[in-house]
Amino acid sequence: MTPSIVEVKTRSQLKKWVKFPNELYKGNEYYVPFMFEDEMSYFTPQKNPAYSYCETKLFLAYHGKKTVGRIGVLINKAYNEKWDKRAIRFTRFDFIDDYDVSAALFAEVTRWAKERGLTQVNGPIGFHDMDHEGMLVEGFDQLNMSITFYNHPYYLAHMERLGLRKDIDWVEYKVYMPDKPDERIARISDYVIKRHGFKLVTYDKRKDLIADAGEAFDVIDEAFSKLYGTVPLTKEVVQKAIDDNISIVNLKYVCSIKDRDGKLVAFALMVPSIAKALKKCNGKLLPFGFIPVLNAINGKNDVLEMYFVAVKPEYQKIGLPGILMNAMVKSCIENGVTYCETGPELETNADVQSLWKSFKVEQHKRRRCFIGDIEA
């Protein structure tokens, strides 16, 4: 059955577009819904500053009146300029197991790309590196994180049939906490701090974290700048990230390092997992969904999601990542954390994966960004 494709133009259509995965994955024990309010805001140009450098179209697929698929299409001008590309991106690509549906949705990507003279397509990848990225290719029997996509295994056959191939993979780990801190790493951390005049900063007051947040994102932007697909973070994008996430930060799991002059040079942030809470409220914080989310953030929670471990490039080889991890491990042990789940790490990023060599780890998920050529 050939689907009809409709471009999202109204708020009512956007709601259907945002809600579709909840229908597609209803009853799936591993799927974690996005926060509905966040997604609605994210794809509203007036509320998302990334639209200043991105052009976006959203499409729904229907069989009659039934929604059977969706896709988001982006022309990320900042990415194309930084990496000298002529590429179009896709994101939030979800569909029933019907190739006519996935092909009809993907045709909107290639049609727009040809109109604009673009020669490559890649995804799933979004507005910037803090957006969801990568299609799950391993770990379908693992509970998803709140910051990543979940998808059915059949998606992969559709990608191949659409002519897409692997561009890069990200891997994810469960990093299990030891019974006690590693004394050797603690001694090295103390030595590096004293020798170079660094100060390890923890946060007791949210206002102090907010005061440092802009500088922390400067470090994140610089530290990640050479990684796959990244674009420079504008001040407006950073401010939105702070506004959207500051409320879910538990101050026990954030720290930074400052140099002799008080300049922030490294930053680490982990967040208590809200995945189960989001499942419980189906991604809707109102009217009462915020209660399980707040309980997950501030109550007893033995699983953390690792958001950032970022160090300015000139300090990455002198032990600062180890100082951050040592501080975070101490806090995790004190608060009964069983394991931390890393966000997606590029499979080629040996530096960050070397941080886990002294831990018991389980590489439990893998996700992929695909690429394809667009013929004129």
Protein backbone atom coordinates (compact mmCIF):
# COMPACT_ATOMS: atom_id res chain seq x y z
CA MET A 1 0.00 0.00 0.00
CA THR A 2 1.52 3.31 -1.08
CA PRO A 3 1.58 5.78 1.82
CA SER A 4 0.65 9.44 1.58
CA ILE A 5 3.34 11.86 2.75
CA VAL A 6 2.37 15.11 4.47
CA GLU A 7 4.71 17.92 5.47
CA VAL A 8 4.20 19.07 9.06
CA LYS A 9 2.83 22.60 9.00
CA THR A 10 0.56 22.93 12.04
CA ARG A 11 0.95 22.41 15.78
CA SER A 12 -1.56 19.57 15.61
CA GLN A 13 0.58 17.81 13.00
CA LEU A 14 3.72 18.42 15.07
CA LYS A 15 2.05 16.72 18.05
CA LYS A 16 1.34 13.67 15.88
CA TRP A 17 4.93 13.72 14.63
CA VAL A 18 6.35 13.88 18.18
CA LYS A 19 3.98 11.22 19.55
CA PHE A 20 4.40 8.67 16.76
CA PRO A 21 7.29 6.69 18.37
CA ASN A 22 5.18 6.18 21.51
CA GLU A 23 2.59 4.46 19.33
CA LEU A 24 5.17 2.48 17.36
CA TYR A 25 6.93 1.17 20.48
CA LYS A 26 3.91 0.76 22.74
CA GLY A 27 4.56 -2.20 25.01
CA ASN A 28 8.29 -2.38 24.18
CA GLU A 29 10.11 -2.77 27.49
CA TYR A 30 13.35 -1.18 26.23
CA TYR A 31 12.01 1.94 24.54
CA VAL A 32 12.21 5.19 26.52
CA PRO A 33 10.04 8.09 25.29
CA PHE A 34 11.40 11.59 24.83
CA MET A 35 10.04 14.37 26.99
CA PHE A 36 7.02 15.50 24.98
CA GLU A 37 7.30 19.17 25.93
CA ASP A 38 11.01 19.26 25.07
CA GLU A 39 10.47 17.75 21.62
CA MET A 40 7.63 20.14 20.85
CA SER A 41 9.87 23.06 21.77
CA TYR A 42 12.86 21.61 19.95
CA PHE A 43 11.06 21.56 16.63
CA THR A 44 9.47 24.96 17.00
CA PRO A 45 11.74 27.48 15.21
CA GLN A 46 10.91 30.33 17.57
CA LYS A 47 12.04 28.25 20.57
CA ASN A 48 15.14 26.52 19.21
CA PRO A 49 18.10 28.83 18.43
CA ALA A 50 19.71 26.13 16.27
CA TYR A 51 17.24 27.10 13.56
CA SER A 52 19.48 30.15 13.03
CA TYR A 53 21.88 27.88 11.10
CA CYS A 54 19.57 25.00 10.13
CA GLU A 55 16.73 24.63 7.67
CA THR A 56 14.33 21.89 8.64
CA LYS A 57 11.37 20.03 7.19
CA LEU A 58 9.29 17.40 9.00
CA PHE A 59 7.18 14.75 7.30
CA LEU A 60 4.52 12.24 8.33
CA ALA A 61 3.53 9.09 6.45
CA TYR A 62 -0.07 7.83 6.49
CA HIS A 63 -2.00 4.75 5.50
CA GLY A 64 -5.41 6.34 5.27
CA LYS A 65 -5.78 8.19 8.59
CA LYS A 66 -3.26 6.02 10.42
CA THR A 67 0.25 7.39 11.04
CA VAL A 68 2.85 4.86 9.89
CA GLY A 69 6.10 6.84 9.81
CA ARG A 70 7.93 10.12 10.29
CA ILE A 71 11.21 11.81 9.42
CA GLY A 72 12.99 15.09 10.09
CA VAL A 73 15.24 16.58 7.39
CA LEU A 74 17.93 19.19 8.12
CA ILE A 75 20.26 21.32 6.09
CA ASN A 76 22.85 22.18 8.73
CA LYS A 77 24.68 25.16 7.27
CA ALA A 78 27.15 25.32 10.17
CA TYR A 79 28.16 21.69 9.58
CA ASN A 80 28.54 22.12 5.83
CA GLU A 81 30.65 25.23 6.30
CA LYS A 82 32.88 23.78 9.04
CA TRP A 83 33.56 20.47 7.29
CA ASP A 84 33.34 21.72 3.69
CA LYS A 85 30.42 19.42 2.87
CA ARG A 86 27.35 19.57 0.67
CA ALA A 87 25.26 17.33 2.89
CA ILE A 88 21.73 16.98 4.12
CA ARG A 89 20.90 15.27 7.42
CA PHE A 90 17.98 13.18 8.61
CA THR A 91 16.76 12.67 12.17
CA ARG A 92 13.83 11.03 14.00
CA PHE A 93 13.40 8.47 11.21
CA ASP A 94 10.73 6.03 12.45
CA PHE A 95 8.47 3.73 10.46
CA ILE A 96 6.53 0.49 10.48
CA ASP A 97 8.19 -2.52 8.84
CA ASP A 98 7.06 -1.58 5.35
CA TYR A 99 9.66 -0.55 2.78
CA ASP A 100 7.12 1.50 0.84
CA VAL A 101 6.82 3.72 3.94
CA SER A 102 10.53 4.17 4.66
CA ALA A 103 11.28 4.71 0.95
CA ALA A 104 8.54 7.32 0.56
CA LEU A 105 9.78 9.25 3.59
CA PHE A 106 13.40 9.03 2.49
CA ALA A 107 12.44 10.27 -0.95
CA GLU A 108 11.61 13.62 0.68
CA VAL A 109 15.22 13.80 1.88
CA THR A 110 16.72 13.21 -1.54
CA ARG A 111 14.17 15.44 -3.28
CA TRP A 112 15.04 18.43 -1.09
CA ALA A 113 18.76 17.68 -1.37
CA LYS A 114 18.61 17.67 -5.18
CA GLU A 115 16.68 20.95 -5.19
CA ARG A 116 19.49 22.52 -3.15
CA GLY A 117 22.37 20.94 -5.07
CA LEU A 118 23.51 18.76 -2.16
CA THR A 119 25.47 15.59 -2.83
CA GLN A 120 25.44 13.55 0.39
CA VAL A 121 22.94 12.46 3.02
CA ASN A 122 23.80 11.27 6.50
CA GLY A 123 22.04 10.42 9.72
CA PRO A 124 20.43 9.94 12.07
CA ILE A 125 22.10 13.13 13.31
CA GLY A 126 20.63 16.43 14.30
CA PHE A 127 21.21 20.10 14.99
CA HIS A 128 24.43 19.67 17.02
CA ASP A 129 26.36 17.16 19.12
CA MET A 130 23.97 17.50 22.06
CA ASP A 131 21.12 16.28 19.88
CA HIS A 132 20.21 12.59 19.60
CA GLU A 133 22.38 10.79 17.06
CA GLY A 134 22.97 7.30 15.74
CA MET A 135 20.67 4.37 14.90
CA LEU A 136 20.84 1.42 17.28
CA VAL A 137 22.54 -1.60 15.68
CA GLU A 138 23.38 -3.61 18.83
CA GLY A 139 21.71 -3.67 22.23
CA PHE A 140 18.05 -3.99 21.29
CA ASP A 141 17.48 -5.87 24.58
CA GLN A 142 18.87 -3.03 26.72
CA LEU A 143 16.85 -0.22 28.30
CA ASN A 144 17.46 2.91 26.30
CA MET A 145 18.92 6.07 27.78
CA SER A 146 16.95 9.30 28.01
CA ILE A 147 19.38 11.00 25.58
CA THR A 148 19.49 8.42 22.78
CA PHE A 149 17.23 6.87 20.14
CA TYR A 150 15.71 3.41 20.36
CA ASN A 151 14.71 1.59 17.18
CA HIS A 152 13.56 -1.81 15.97
CA PRO A 153 16.15 -4.19 14.46
CA TYR A 154 14.34 -4.13 11.11
CA TYR A 155 15.43 -0.52 10.56
CA LEU A 156 18.87 -1.75 9.50
CA ALA A 157 17.59 -3.74 6.52
CA HIS A 158 15.66 -0.66 5.40
CA MET A 159 18.81 1.50 5.57
CA GLU A 160 20.72 -0.96 3.39
CA ARG A 161 17.87 -1.18 0.90
CA LEU A 162 17.73 2.63 0.75
CA GLY A 163 21.37 2.58 -0.41
CA LEU A 164 22.87 3.86 2.84
CA ARG A 165 26.13 2.55 4.25
CA LYS A 166 28.01 2.88 7.53
CA ASP A 167 29.85 6.16 8.05
CA ILE A 168 30.76 5.87 11.75
CA ASP A 169 29.68 3.96 14.85
CA TRP A 170 29.30 5.05 18.43
CA VAL A 171 29.63 2.57 21.29
CA GLU A 172 28.12 2.73 24.76
CA TYR A 173 29.27 1.19 28.01
CA LYS A 174 28.06 0.30 31.45
CA VAL A 175 30.90 1.37 33.74
CA TYR A 176 30.54 -0.44 37.05
CA MET A 177 31.62 1.30 40.22
CA PRO A 178 34.30 -0.37 42.36
CA ASP A 179 33.88 -1.02 46.08
CA LYS A 180 36.42 1.68 46.88
CA PRO A 181 38.36 4.38 45.02
CA ASP A 182 41.63 3.41 43.31
CA GLU A 183 44.34 4.68 45.67
CA ARG A 184 46.91 4.90 42.87
CA ILE A 185 44.68 7.16 40.76
CA ALA A 186 43.87 9.24 43.86
CA ARG A 187 47.59 9.78 44.53
CA ILE A 188 48.27 10.75 40.92
CA SER A 189 45.31 13.15 40.96
CA ASP A 190 46.56 14.84 44.14
CA TYR A 191 50.05 15.14 42.63
CA VAL A 192 48.81 16.74 39.38
CA ILE A 193 46.62 19.19 41.29
CA LYS A 194 49.45 20.31 43.54
CA ARG A 195 52.10 20.45 40.83
CA HIS A 196 50.08 22.58 38.42
CA GLY A 197 48.09 24.61 40.90
CA PHE A 198 44.72 23.27 39.80
CA LYS A 199 41.61 23.43 41.96
CA LEU A 200 38.97 20.71 41.95
CA VAL A 201 35.58 22.40 42.23
CA THR A 202 32.42 20.74 43.50
CA TYR A 203 29.08 22.48 43.76
CA ASP A 204 26.88 22.89 46.82
CA LYS A 205 24.72 25.65 45.36
CA ARG A 206 22.98 25.59 42.00
CA LYS A 207 23.67 29.29 41.48
CA ASP A 208 27.42 28.58 41.54
CA LEU A 209 27.01 25.93 38.85
CA ILE A 210 24.91 28.31 36.76
CA ALA A 211 27.66 30.93 37.10
CA ASP A 212 30.22 28.45 35.71
CA ALA A 213 27.95 26.83 33.11
CA GLY A 214 28.79 29.14 30.21
CA GLU A 215 32.52 28.60 30.71
CA ALA A 216 31.92 24.85 31.05
CA PHE A 217 30.23 24.77 27.65
CA ASP A 218 33.17 26.68 26.17
CA VAL A 219 35.37 23.81 27.35
CA ILE A 220 32.92 21.22 25.97
CA ASP A 221 32.76 22.99 22.61
CA GLU A 222 36.55 23.16 22.31
CA ALA A 223 37.18 19.63 23.59
CA PHE A 224 34.70 18.05 21.16
CA SER A 225 35.35 20.33 18.18
CA LYS A 226 37.28 17.75 16.14
CA LEU A 227 34.80 14.95 16.69
CA TYR A 228 32.55 13.61 13.95
CA GLY A 229 29.68 15.84 12.89
CA THR A 230 30.16 18.58 15.46
CA VAL A 231 29.27 22.21 14.86
CA PRO A 232 30.26 25.28 16.93
CA LEU A 233 27.83 25.91 19.78
CA THR A 234 26.34 29.39 19.62
CA LYS A 235 25.69 31.38 22.80
CA GLU A 236 21.97 30.98 22.25
CA VAL A 237 22.22 27.19 21.85
CA VAL A 238 24.33 26.98 25.01
CA GLN A 239 21.86 29.07 26.99
CA LYS A 240 18.98 26.86 25.90
CA ALA A 241 20.95 23.76 26.92
CA ILE A 242 21.55 25.29 30.34
CA ASP A 243 17.92 26.31 30.77
CA ASP A 244 16.64 22.89 29.65
CA ASN A 245 18.99 20.77 31.75
CA ILE A 246 19.88 22.67 34.92
CA SER A 247 16.78 21.33 36.70
CA ILE A 248 17.78 17.67 36.21
CA VAL A 249 21.30 18.13 37.57
CA ASN A 250 21.99 16.54 40.93
CA LEU A 251 24.89 18.56 42.35
CA LYS A 252 26.51 15.43 43.79
CA TYR A 253 27.51 14.36 40.29
CA VAL A 254 29.08 17.46 38.76
CA CYS A 255 32.57 18.89 39.15
CA SER A 256 35.07 21.07 37.35
CA ILE A 257 38.76 21.92 37.44
CA LYS A 258 40.09 25.47 37.44
CA ASP A 259 43.65 26.66 36.83
CA ARG A 260 45.75 29.03 38.96
CA ASP A 261 43.92 32.01 37.50
CA GLY A 262 40.49 30.61 38.24
CA LYS A 263 39.76 29.73 34.61
CA LEU A 264 37.70 26.60 34.09
CA VAL A 265 39.68 24.02 32.09
CA ALA A 266 37.77 20.76 32.65
CA PHE A 267 34.21 19.72 33.41
CA ALA A 268 32.31 16.51 34.19
CA LEU A 269 28.59 15.94 34.52
CA MET A 270 26.61 12.81 35.26
CA VAL A 271 22.87 12.75 35.81
CA PRO A 272 20.74 10.19 37.69
CA SER A 273 19.00 8.08 35.06
CA ILE A 274 15.44 9.23 34.36
CA ALA A 275 14.81 6.49 31.79
CA LYS A 276 12.44 4.44 33.96
CA ALA A 277 10.68 7.59 35.14
CA LEU A 278 10.08 8.69 31.54
CA LYS A 279 8.63 5.26 30.75
CA LYS A 280 6.33 5.55 33.75
CA CYS A 281 4.94 8.93 32.67
CA ASN A 282 5.23 8.16 28.91
CA GLY A 283 7.30 11.30 28.40
CA LYS A 284 4.59 13.64 29.70
CA LEU A 285 5.69 15.77 32.65
CA LEU A 286 2.28 17.35 33.15
CA PRO A 287 0.14 17.12 35.12
CA PHE A 288 1.89 14.58 37.39
CA GLY A 289 4.69 13.05 35.32
CA PHE A 290 7.25 15.37 36.91
CA ILE A 291 6.89 13.49 40.21
CA PRO A 292 8.65 10.22 39.17
CA VAL A 293 11.22 12.28 37.25
CA LEU A 294 12.07 14.39 40.31
CA ASN A 295 12.21 11.25 42.45
CA ALA A 296 14.68 9.71 40.00
CA ILE A 297 16.86 12.82 40.08
CA ASN A 298 16.87 13.55 43.79
CA GLY A 299 15.95 10.23 45.39
CA LYS A 300 17.81 6.95 45.65
CA ASN A 301 19.04 5.97 42.19
CA ASP A 302 21.86 3.52 41.52
CA VAL A 303 22.22 4.26 37.79
CA LEU A 304 23.72 7.42 36.30
CA GLU A 305 23.86 8.68 32.74
CA MET A 306 27.19 10.21 31.77
CA TYR A 307 26.65 13.47 29.90
CA PHE A 308 30.08 15.12 29.68
CA VAL A 309 33.72 14.49 30.52
CA ALA A 310 35.45 17.40 28.78
CA VAL A 311 38.98 18.77 29.11
CA LYS A 312 40.58 21.60 27.16
CA PRO A 313 42.87 19.99 24.56
CA GLU A 314 46.12 21.37 25.99
CA TYR A 315 45.40 19.70 29.35
CA GLN A 316 44.17 16.31 28.17
CA LYS A 317 47.55 14.56 28.42
CA ILE A 318 48.53 15.62 31.96
CA GLY A 319 45.95 13.69 33.94
CA LEU A 320 42.92 15.98 34.18
CA PRO A 321 40.46 13.35 32.88
CA GLY A 322 41.67 11.08 35.68
CA ILE A 323 41.13 13.80 38.27
CA LEU A 324 37.54 14.26 37.12
CA MET A 325 36.83 10.53 37.12
CA ASN A 326 38.43 10.05 40.53
CA ALA A 327 36.17 12.73 42.02
CA MET A 328 33.08 11.32 40.36
CA VAL A 329 33.85 7.75 41.42
CA LYS A 330 34.15 8.87 45.05
CA SER A 331 30.75 10.50 44.86
CA CYS A 332 29.22 7.47 43.16
CA ILE A 333 30.52 5.10 45.83
CA GLU A 334 29.33 7.37 48.63
CA ASN A 335 25.84 7.49 47.12
CA GLY A 336 25.41 3.81 46.28
CA VAL A 337 25.68 4.01 42.49
CA THR A 338 26.00 0.60 40.83
CA TYR A 339 27.02 1.73 37.35
CA CYS A 340 27.22 4.73 35.06
CA GLU A 341 26.02 4.43 31.49
CA THR A 342 28.09 6.38 29.01
CA GLY A 343 26.48 8.30 26.22
CA PRO A 344 27.52 7.38 22.68
CA GLU A 345 31.31 7.45 22.23
CA LEU A 346 32.87 7.32 18.79
CA GLU A 347 34.36 3.88 18.24
CA THR A 348 37.58 5.62 17.16
CA ASN A 349 37.86 7.74 20.33
CA ALA A 350 40.60 5.79 22.10
CA ASP A 351 41.28 8.63 24.56
CA VAL A 352 37.88 8.55 26.21
CA GLN A 353 37.69 4.75 26.15
CA SER A 354 41.04 4.58 27.94
CA LEU A 355 39.30 6.14 30.95
CA TRP A 356 37.46 2.86 31.56
CA LYS A 357 40.49 0.54 31.51
CA SER A 358 40.64 0.33 35.31
CA PHE A 359 36.89 -0.37 35.65
CA LYS A 360 34.71 -3.38 35.06
CA VAL A 361 32.87 -2.40 31.88
CA GLU A 362 30.28 -3.86 29.55
CA GLN A 363 30.03 -2.58 25.98
CA HIS A 364 26.30 -3.16 25.64
CA LYS A 365 25.12 -0.93 22.77
CA ARG A 366 26.30 0.27 19.40
CA ARG A 367 24.69 2.85 17.15
CA ARG A 368 25.47 3.98 13.64
CA CYS A 369 25.41 7.07 11.46
CA PHE A 370 24.77 6.20 7.82
CA ILE A 371 25.85 8.02 4.70
CA GLY A 372 24.68 7.92 1.12
CA ASP A 373 25.44 9.62 -2.17
CA ILE A 374 22.84 11.69 -3.94
CA GLU A 375 22.99 11.60 -7.70
CA ALA A 376 22.04 14.72 -9.61
